[in-house]
Each structure stands twice: as structure tokens, then as C-alpha cells.
């Protein structure tokens, strides 16, 4: 299952995904910690989406300053986990980036 996610900041995205049990803190050694997806979860961090310009420099599609990410899960999520995901609507008719 794929989810398109959006928050105001990267920190809010991390907090939401950590609360949903999708990201977990892992020890990388030498005192370094990293937030990584659990097995069966794949996170594509997009960040803010820039505007698109035509050849004359005119904006043809506005950007979105919010933090965006795509999540693909091959594991079963609980209803509680899904409700914690920062999904949004309406979904874009043409997503900026998708999993292949």
C-alpha cells in the first residue's frame, strides 16, 4: 500500500511516522542514532515541491512549501497506525514523484 504524506516540516513528518511505529531510532554505532523505517516500510523523502517554470521564467505550476514524503508498506498496518499517518486530500491528479 502506498501513502502520500504531507506536514509543515520534516520534524513533524518524523514525529508522525515515529508515533505510527513506521520510523524507529536505531543505533548506528559510535553514539550516532538514526530514524529508519521498520522492515517492510519504504520512505521516499521529497521535501518541499518547487514551482515549475516555462521557458520565459513564468510559473506554470505553483510549488508547495510543505514537507512531502511517499510511504510504501508491504507489512500490515493497524487502523490506529494508518490514522496517525499525515495523509492529505485531495490527492494530486499527477503526483510529483511515485514509487516504481
Protein backbone atom coordinates (compact mmCIF):
# COMPACT_ATOMS: atom_id res chain seq x y z
CA UNK A 1 0.00 0.00 0.00
CA UNK A 2 1.28 3.47 -0.86
CA UNK A 3 0.56 6.67 1.07
CA UNK A 4 1.22 10.27 0.04
CA UNK A 5 2.16 12.28 3.14
CA UNK A 6 2.45 15.98 3.96
CA UNK A 7 3.36 18.02 7.03
CA UNK A 8 4.61 21.56 7.58
CA UNK A 9 8.14 20.47 8.49
CA UNK A 10 10.46 17.48 8.28
CA UNK A 11 10.44 17.25 12.10
CA UNK A 12 6.62 16.97 12.08
CA UNK A 13 6.89 14.19 9.48
CA UNK A 14 9.41 12.30 11.61
CA UNK A 15 7.28 12.74 14.74
CA UNK A 16 4.15 11.44 12.98
CA UNK A 17 5.91 8.43 11.46
CA UNK A 18 7.65 7.63 14.73
CA UNK A 19 4.31 7.82 16.59
CA UNK A 20 2.79 5.47 13.99
CA UNK A 21 5.61 2.98 14.51
CA UNK A 22 6.93 3.39 10.96
CA UNK A 23 10.22 5.05 11.92
CA UNK A 24 12.32 3.76 14.81
CA UNK A 25 15.51 5.10 16.32
CA UNK A 26 18.45 2.81 15.62
CA UNK A 27 21.98 2.92 16.99
CA UNK A 28 24.43 3.38 14.12
CA UNK A 29 27.44 2.93 16.38
CA UNK A 30 29.81 5.42 17.94
CA UNK A 31 26.90 7.16 19.68
CA UNK A 32 25.12 8.03 16.43
CA UNK A 33 21.37 7.46 16.21
CA UNK A 34 19.22 7.45 13.08
CA UNK A 35 15.47 7.30 12.46
CA UNK A 36 14.97 4.46 9.99
CA UNK A 37 11.89 2.75 8.59
CA UNK A 38 10.92 -0.60 10.07
CA UNK A 39 11.33 -3.66 7.83
CA UNK A 40 8.60 -3.64 5.20
CA UNK A 41 8.30 0.17 5.14
CA UNK A 42 9.98 2.27 2.46
CA UNK A 43 10.09 6.06 2.80
CA UNK A 44 10.79 8.42 -0.10
CA UNK A 45 11.54 11.84 1.40
CA UNK A 46 10.61 14.54 -1.10
CA UNK A 47 10.58 17.72 0.99
CA UNK A 48 9.08 20.93 -0.38
CA UNK A 49 7.94 20.78 -4.00
CA UNK A 50 9.40 23.60 -6.12
CA UNK A 51 7.34 25.60 -8.60
CA UNK A 52 7.59 24.75 -12.31
CA UNK A 53 8.51 27.48 -14.79
CA UNK A 54 8.10 27.84 -18.53
CA UNK A 55 10.99 28.88 -20.81
CA UNK A 56 10.23 32.56 -20.14
CA UNK A 57 10.50 32.13 -16.38
CA UNK A 58 6.76 32.30 -15.69
CA UNK A 59 5.34 29.99 -13.05
CA UNK A 60 3.17 27.41 -14.77
CA UNK A 61 2.59 25.28 -11.68
CA UNK A 62 2.96 26.67 -8.17
CA UNK A 63 5.18 24.94 -5.67
CA UNK A 64 4.14 23.57 -2.30
CA UNK A 65 6.37 24.64 0.62
CA UNK A 66 5.17 21.85 2.92
CA UNK A 67 7.29 18.76 3.58
CA UNK A 68 6.23 15.81 1.40
CA UNK A 69 7.06 12.11 1.53
CA UNK A 70 5.81 8.91 -0.03
CA UNK A 71 5.45 5.78 2.05
CA UNK A 72 5.16 2.24 0.71
CA UNK A 73 4.41 -0.55 3.15
CA UNK A 74 4.48 -4.26 2.45
CA UNK A 75 3.50 -5.02 6.05
CA UNK A 76 0.04 -4.91 7.60
CA UNK A 77 -0.67 -1.61 9.37
CA UNK A 78 -3.28 -1.33 12.08
CA UNK A 79 -6.14 1.13 11.74
CA UNK A 80 -4.53 3.17 14.53
CA UNK A 81 -1.25 3.35 12.60
CA UNK A 82 -2.99 4.44 9.39
CA UNK A 83 -4.93 7.13 11.27
CA UNK A 84 -1.61 8.59 12.53
CA UNK A 85 -0.19 8.97 9.02
CA UNK A 86 -0.18 12.60 7.83
CA UNK A 87 -2.11 11.87 4.63
CA UNK A 88 -3.95 14.66 2.86
CA UNK A 89 -6.71 15.29 0.39
CA UNK A 90 -7.43 15.90 -2.29
CA UNK A 91 -4.66 13.77 -3.69
CA UNK A 92 -2.83 15.27 -6.67
CA UNK A 93 -4.01 14.09 -10.06
CA UNK A 94 -0.36 13.85 -11.12
CA UNK A 95 1.91 13.18 -8.12
CA UNK A 96 5.30 14.92 -8.07
CA UNK A 97 7.06 11.58 -7.55
CA UNK A 98 5.83 7.97 -7.22
CA UNK A 99 7.29 4.56 -6.43
CA UNK A 100 8.08 2.41 -9.45
